[in-house]
Amino acid sequence: MVNSQDIEDDDIVLRYLETGHAFMSADSVHHGIEDQIRKQPGGNIYDFSDLCDVFRQSNSGNVEAMNHTDFDDFRGEQSLSKLKQESRPQLSDMVEVKFVRGSRSLFFRIEFECSYT
């Protein structure tokens, strides 16, 4: 997006909140879904139909199942050799990511106080 002509910004920064440090209105929806899963026989969901039933029976409201045709088929451009590196950071470790116009690199922070990697 940052490299497209759709926006004029030179960068896009996404900041992720630390787990347990924020309350969102979606938390109550997630709680309702978790409660409904516990009510399933054995607490198990066996197929997509079971999952849709759990959503419908919880407090999450209307559920509309999507098909594979509802999604674009984006071509992956990741480096397979880099993906196999054990030292590569995991998304779950990142607290901030930055995309810069003209670059295909992903800049990230693993702590709020450190510089970009």
N, C-alpha and C. Protein backbone atom coordinates (compact mmCIF):
# COMPACT_ATOMS: atom_id res chain seq x y z
N MET A 1 0.81 -1.19 0.00
CA MET A 1 0.00 0.00 0.00
C MET A 1 0.86 1.26 0.00
N VAL A 2 1.93 1.27 0.82
CA VAL A 2 2.76 2.47 0.92
C VAL A 2 3.47 2.75 -0.41
N ASN A 3 3.69 1.74 -1.22
CA ASN A 3 4.36 1.93 -2.52
C ASN A 3 3.37 2.18 -3.66
N SER A 4 2.09 2.25 -3.34
CA SER A 4 1.10 2.50 -4.38
C SER A 4 0.86 4.01 -4.51
N GLN A 5 0.12 4.37 -5.52
CA GLN A 5 -0.25 5.77 -5.72
C GLN A 5 -1.55 6.11 -5.00
N ASP A 6 -2.12 5.14 -4.27
CA ASP A 6 -3.39 5.35 -3.58
C ASP A 6 -3.26 6.28 -2.38
N ILE A 7 -2.06 6.37 -1.82
CA ILE A 7 -1.84 7.25 -0.67
C ILE A 7 -0.61 8.10 -0.93
N GLU A 8 -0.47 9.19 -0.17
CA GLU A 8 0.68 10.08 -0.35
C GLU A 8 1.71 9.94 0.76
N ASP A 9 1.40 9.17 1.79
CA ASP A 9 2.33 9.04 2.92
C ASP A 9 3.63 8.36 2.52
N ASP A 10 4.70 8.72 3.22
CA ASP A 10 6.00 8.12 2.95
C ASP A 10 6.23 6.85 3.76
N ASP A 11 5.43 6.66 4.80
CA ASP A 11 5.56 5.43 5.58
C ASP A 11 4.25 5.09 6.28
N ILE A 12 4.13 3.84 6.65
CA ILE A 12 2.99 3.36 7.43
C ILE A 12 3.57 2.65 8.65
N VAL A 13 3.10 3.01 9.84
CA VAL A 13 3.58 2.40 11.07
C VAL A 13 2.40 1.74 11.78
N LEU A 14 2.57 0.47 12.13
CA LEU A 14 1.56 -0.26 12.90
C LEU A 14 2.15 -0.57 14.26
N ARG A 15 1.43 -0.20 15.32
CA ARG A 15 1.88 -0.48 16.68
C ARG A 15 0.94 -1.48 17.31
N TYR A 16 1.53 -2.49 17.94
CA TYR A 16 0.76 -3.54 18.58
C TYR A 16 0.80 -3.36 20.08
N LEU A 17 -0.35 -3.43 20.72
CA LEU A 17 -0.40 -3.31 22.17
C LEU A 17 0.10 -4.60 22.81
N GLU A 18 0.68 -4.47 23.96
CA GLU A 18 1.16 -5.65 24.68
C GLU A 18 -0.03 -6.41 25.24
N THR A 19 0.06 -7.73 25.21
CA THR A 19 -1.01 -8.59 25.68
C THR A 19 -1.37 -8.25 27.12
N GLY A 20 -2.68 -8.10 27.36
CA GLY A 20 -3.16 -7.84 28.71
C GLY A 20 -3.13 -6.40 29.14
N HIS A 21 -2.70 -5.48 28.26
CA HIS A 21 -2.58 -4.08 28.66
C HIS A 21 -3.65 -3.18 28.05
N ALA A 22 -4.67 -3.77 27.46
CA ALA A 22 -5.71 -2.96 26.86
C ALA A 22 -7.04 -3.68 26.95
N PHE A 23 -8.11 -2.92 26.93
CA PHE A 23 -9.45 -3.48 26.87
C PHE A 23 -10.07 -3.02 25.57
N MET A 24 -10.65 -3.96 24.85
CA MET A 24 -11.33 -3.63 23.61
C MET A 24 -12.76 -4.14 23.69
N SER A 25 -13.66 -3.51 22.97
CA SER A 25 -15.05 -3.95 22.99
C SER A 25 -15.18 -5.38 22.46
N ALA A 26 -14.25 -5.81 21.62
CA ALA A 26 -14.29 -7.17 21.09
C ALA A 26 -13.98 -8.22 22.16
N ASP A 27 -13.40 -7.79 23.30
CA ASP A 27 -13.08 -8.74 24.36
C ASP A 27 -14.32 -9.48 24.85
N SER A 28 -15.45 -8.79 24.95
CA SER A 28 -16.67 -9.44 25.41
C SER A 28 -17.18 -10.45 24.39
N VAL A 29 -16.99 -10.14 23.10
CA VAL A 29 -17.37 -11.09 22.05
C VAL A 29 -16.51 -12.34 22.15
N HIS A 30 -15.21 -12.16 22.32
CA HIS A 30 -14.31 -13.30 22.45
C HIS A 30 -14.65 -14.14 23.67
N HIS A 31 -15.02 -13.48 24.76
CA HIS A 31 -15.39 -14.20 25.98
C HIS A 31 -16.63 -15.06 25.72
N GLY A 32 -17.62 -14.50 25.03
CA GLY A 32 -18.84 -15.25 24.70
C GLY A 32 -18.54 -16.47 23.84
N ILE A 33 -17.62 -16.31 22.89
CA ILE A 33 -17.24 -17.43 22.02
C ILE A 33 -16.52 -18.49 22.83
N GLU A 34 -15.61 -18.09 23.71
CA GLU A 34 -14.90 -19.05 24.55
C GLU A 34 -15.87 -19.82 25.45
N ASP A 35 -16.86 -19.12 26.01
CA ASP A 35 -17.86 -19.79 26.84
C ASP A 35 -18.64 -20.83 26.03
N GLN A 36 -19.00 -20.46 24.82
CA GLN A 36 -19.77 -21.38 23.97
C GLN A 36 -18.93 -22.59 23.57
N ILE A 37 -17.63 -22.40 23.35
CA ILE A 37 -16.75 -23.54 23.03
C ILE A 37 -16.71 -24.51 24.20
N ARG A 38 -16.66 -23.98 25.42
CA ARG A 38 -16.64 -24.85 26.61
C ARG A 38 -17.91 -25.68 26.71
N LYS A 39 -19.01 -25.17 26.16
CA LYS A 39 -20.29 -25.90 26.21
C LYS A 39 -20.38 -26.99 25.15
N GLN A 40 -19.46 -26.98 24.18
CA GLN A 40 -19.44 -28.02 23.15
C GLN A 40 -19.08 -29.36 23.81
N PRO A 41 -19.59 -30.48 23.28
CA PRO A 41 -19.23 -31.79 23.83
C PRO A 41 -17.71 -31.97 23.84
N GLY A 42 -17.16 -32.13 25.02
CA GLY A 42 -15.72 -32.28 25.17
C GLY A 42 -14.95 -31.00 24.93
N GLY A 43 -15.66 -29.89 24.73
CA GLY A 43 -15.00 -28.61 24.46
C GLY A 43 -14.30 -28.59 23.11
N ASN A 44 -14.78 -29.43 22.18
CA ASN A 44 -14.12 -29.57 20.89
C ASN A 44 -14.96 -29.02 19.74
N ILE A 45 -14.27 -28.47 18.77
CA ILE A 45 -14.87 -28.05 17.51
C ILE A 45 -14.24 -28.93 16.44
N TYR A 46 -15.06 -29.67 15.72
CA TYR A 46 -14.52 -30.65 14.79
C TYR A 46 -14.48 -30.18 13.34
N ASP A 47 -15.33 -29.25 12.96
CA ASP A 47 -15.31 -28.79 11.57
C ASP A 47 -15.81 -27.34 11.50
N PHE A 48 -15.80 -26.82 10.30
CA PHE A 48 -16.19 -25.42 10.09
C PHE A 48 -17.64 -25.18 10.49
N SER A 49 -18.50 -26.16 10.25
CA SER A 49 -19.90 -26.05 10.63
C SER A 49 -20.04 -25.88 12.15
N ASP A 50 -19.27 -26.66 12.92
CA ASP A 50 -19.26 -26.52 14.39
C ASP A 50 -18.84 -25.11 14.79
N LEU A 51 -17.82 -24.58 14.13
CA LEU A 51 -17.33 -23.24 14.45
C LEU A 51 -18.41 -22.19 14.18
N CYS A 52 -19.10 -22.30 13.05
CA CYS A 52 -20.17 -21.36 12.73
C CYS A 52 -21.29 -21.45 13.76
N ASP A 53 -21.61 -22.67 14.20
CA ASP A 53 -22.65 -22.86 15.22
C ASP A 53 -22.24 -22.18 16.53
N VAL A 54 -20.97 -22.32 16.91
CA VAL A 54 -20.48 -21.68 18.13
C VAL A 54 -20.64 -20.17 18.02
N PHE A 55 -20.27 -19.59 16.89
CA PHE A 55 -20.41 -18.15 16.70
C PHE A 55 -21.87 -17.71 16.79
N ARG A 56 -22.75 -18.49 16.14
CA ARG A 56 -24.17 -18.12 16.14
C ARG A 56 -24.77 -18.19 17.54
N GLN A 57 -24.35 -19.17 18.33
CA GLN A 57 -24.92 -19.38 19.66
C GLN A 57 -24.29 -18.46 20.72
N SER A 58 -23.19 -17.86 20.40
CA SER A 58 -22.54 -16.94 21.34
C SER A 58 -23.15 -15.56 21.18
N ASN A 59 -22.58 -14.60 21.85
CA ASN A 59 -23.09 -13.23 21.75
C ASN A 59 -22.45 -12.46 20.60
N SER A 60 -21.89 -13.17 19.61
CA SER A 60 -21.16 -12.48 18.54
C SER A 60 -22.06 -11.96 17.43
N GLY A 61 -23.36 -12.27 17.48
CA GLY A 61 -24.27 -11.71 16.49
C GLY A 61 -24.33 -12.53 15.23
N ASN A 62 -24.59 -11.84 14.12
CA ASN A 62 -24.75 -12.52 12.83
C ASN A 62 -23.43 -13.12 12.36
N VAL A 63 -23.55 -14.26 11.68
CA VAL A 63 -22.37 -14.94 11.15
C VAL A 63 -22.60 -15.18 9.67
N GLU A 64 -21.64 -14.78 8.88
CA GLU A 64 -21.71 -15.04 7.44
C GLU A 64 -20.44 -15.78 7.05
N ALA A 65 -20.59 -17.02 6.62
CA ALA A 65 -19.43 -17.81 6.20
C ALA A 65 -18.95 -17.31 4.84
N MET A 66 -17.64 -17.21 4.71
CA MET A 66 -17.05 -16.76 3.45
C MET A 66 -16.47 -17.97 2.71
N ASN A 67 -16.42 -17.87 1.42
CA ASN A 67 -15.84 -18.93 0.58
C ASN A 67 -14.46 -18.51 0.12
N HIS A 68 -13.71 -19.47 -0.41
CA HIS A 68 -12.37 -19.15 -0.90
C HIS A 68 -12.41 -18.12 -2.02
N THR A 69 -13.53 -18.02 -2.72
CA THR A 69 -13.64 -17.04 -3.81
C THR A 69 -13.80 -15.62 -3.30
N ASP A 70 -14.04 -15.46 -1.99
CA ASP A 70 -14.18 -14.14 -1.40
C ASP A 70 -12.83 -13.48 -1.14
N PHE A 71 -11.74 -14.19 -1.37
CA PHE A 71 -10.40 -13.70 -1.07
C PHE A 71 -9.56 -13.64 -2.34
N ASP A 72 -8.66 -12.66 -2.39
CA ASP A 72 -7.72 -12.58 -3.50
C ASP A 72 -6.60 -13.60 -3.30
N ASP A 73 -6.05 -14.07 -4.38
CA ASP A 73 -4.95 -15.02 -4.32
C ASP A 73 -3.65 -14.26 -4.54
N PHE A 74 -3.06 -13.77 -3.45
CA PHE A 74 -1.84 -13.00 -3.55
C PHE A 74 -0.64 -13.93 -3.70
N ARG A 75 0.29 -13.53 -4.54
CA ARG A 75 1.50 -14.31 -4.75
C ARG A 75 2.49 -14.01 -3.63
N GLY A 76 2.96 -15.05 -2.96
CA GLY A 76 3.94 -14.87 -1.91
C GLY A 76 5.30 -14.50 -2.48
N GLU A 77 5.95 -13.52 -1.90
CA GLU A 77 7.27 -13.11 -2.37
C GLU A 77 8.30 -13.24 -1.27
N GLN A 78 8.03 -14.11 -0.30
CA GLN A 78 8.96 -14.30 0.80
C GLN A 78 10.15 -15.16 0.37
N SER A 79 11.24 -14.97 1.04
CA SER A 79 12.44 -15.76 0.78
C SER A 79 12.37 -17.03 1.62
N LEU A 80 12.33 -18.18 0.98
CA LEU A 80 12.24 -19.44 1.72
C LEU A 80 13.48 -19.69 2.57
N SER A 81 14.65 -19.24 2.09
CA SER A 81 15.86 -19.44 2.90
C SER A 81 15.82 -18.59 4.17
N LYS A 82 15.28 -17.37 4.07
CA LYS A 82 15.18 -16.53 5.26
C LYS A 82 14.14 -17.06 6.24
N LEU A 83 13.08 -17.69 5.71
CA LEU A 83 12.06 -18.24 6.59
C LEU A 83 12.59 -19.39 7.44
N LYS A 84 13.61 -20.06 6.94
CA LYS A 84 14.17 -21.22 7.66
C LYS A 84 15.20 -20.81 8.71
N GLN A 85 15.60 -19.55 8.74
CA GLN A 85 16.58 -19.10 9.71
C GLN A 85 15.98 -19.14 11.11
N GLU A 86 16.65 -19.79 12.04
CA GLU A 86 16.13 -19.91 13.39
C GLU A 86 16.17 -18.59 14.15
N SER A 87 17.04 -17.69 13.78
CA SER A 87 17.18 -16.44 14.52
C SER A 87 16.20 -15.36 14.04
N ARG A 88 15.40 -15.68 13.05
CA ARG A 88 14.50 -14.65 12.53
C ARG A 88 13.43 -14.33 13.56
N PRO A 89 13.04 -13.07 13.66
CA PRO A 89 12.05 -12.67 14.65
C PRO A 89 10.66 -13.18 14.27
N GLN A 90 9.86 -13.42 15.26
CA GLN A 90 8.47 -13.84 15.06
C GLN A 90 7.56 -12.62 15.18
N LEU A 91 6.46 -12.63 14.46
CA LEU A 91 5.52 -11.52 14.52
C LEU A 91 5.05 -11.30 15.96
N SER A 92 4.90 -12.38 16.72
CA SER A 92 4.44 -12.26 18.10
C SER A 92 5.44 -11.50 18.98
N ASP A 93 6.70 -11.37 18.54
CA ASP A 93 7.71 -10.63 19.30
C ASP A 93 7.73 -9.15 18.95
N MET A 94 7.10 -8.77 17.86
CA MET A 94 7.16 -7.39 17.37
C MET A 94 6.12 -6.52 18.06
N VAL A 95 6.53 -5.30 18.42
CA VAL A 95 5.60 -4.35 19.01
C VAL A 95 5.28 -3.22 18.02
N GLU A 96 6.07 -3.11 16.96
CA GLU A 96 5.84 -2.08 15.96
C GLU A 96 6.48 -2.51 14.65
N VAL A 97 5.76 -2.27 13.55
CA VAL A 97 6.33 -2.52 12.22
C VAL A 97 6.17 -1.25 11.39
N LYS A 98 7.11 -1.07 10.46
CA LYS A 98 7.11 0.14 9.65
C LYS A 98 7.38 -0.24 8.20
N PHE A 99 6.56 0.32 7.31
CA PHE A 99 6.72 0.13 5.87
C PHE A 99 7.07 1.49 5.27
N VAL A 100 8.11 1.55 4.45
CA VAL A 100 8.61 2.82 3.92
C VAL A 100 8.47 2.84 2.40
N ARG A 101 7.96 3.96 1.89
CA ARG A 101 7.80 4.10 0.44
C ARG A 101 9.15 3.89 -0.25
N GLY A 102 9.13 3.13 -1.33
CA GLY A 102 10.34 2.86 -2.10
C GLY A 102 11.13 1.67 -1.59
N SER A 103 10.71 1.07 -0.49
CA SER A 103 11.42 -0.07 0.08
C SER A 103 10.49 -1.27 0.14
N ARG A 104 11.03 -2.45 -0.05
CA ARG A 104 10.27 -3.68 0.10
C ARG A 104 10.64 -4.38 1.40
N SER A 105 11.35 -3.67 2.27
CA SER A 105 11.77 -4.22 3.56
C SER A 105 10.73 -3.96 4.63
N LEU A 106 10.71 -4.83 5.62
CA LEU A 106 9.87 -4.67 6.80
C LEU A 106 10.76 -4.25 7.95
N PHE A 107 10.54 -3.05 8.46
CA PHE A 107 11.29 -2.56 9.61
C PHE A 107 10.45 -2.84 10.84
N PHE A 108 11.09 -3.25 11.92
CA PHE A 108 10.30 -3.61 13.09
C PHE A 108 11.06 -3.32 14.38
N ARG A 109 10.29 -3.28 15.47
CA ARG A 109 10.85 -3.14 16.82
C ARG A 109 10.32 -4.31 17.64
N ILE A 110 11.16 -4.81 18.53
CA ILE A 110 10.70 -5.85 19.44
C ILE A 110 10.51 -5.30 20.85
N GLU A 111 10.89 -4.04 21.04
CA GLU A 111 10.65 -3.31 22.28
C GLU A 111 10.27 -1.89 21.89
N PHE A 112 9.44 -1.24 22.69
CA PHE A 112 9.00 0.12 22.34
C PHE A 112 10.14 1.11 22.41
N GLU A 113 11.16 0.84 23.18
CA GLU A 113 12.25 1.79 23.38
C GLU A 113 13.47 1.56 22.48
N CYS A 114 13.48 0.52 21.66
CA CYS A 114 14.65 0.24 20.83
C CYS A 114 14.49 0.84 19.44
N SER A 115 15.58 0.91 18.68
CA SER A 115 15.53 1.43 17.32
C SER A 115 15.06 0.34 16.38
N TYR A 116 14.74 0.74 15.16
CA TYR A 116 14.25 -0.21 14.15
C TYR A 116 15.34 -1.18 13.74
N THR A 117 14.93 -2.40 13.42
CA THR A 117 15.83 -3.41 12.89
C THR A 117 15.52 -3.62 11.43
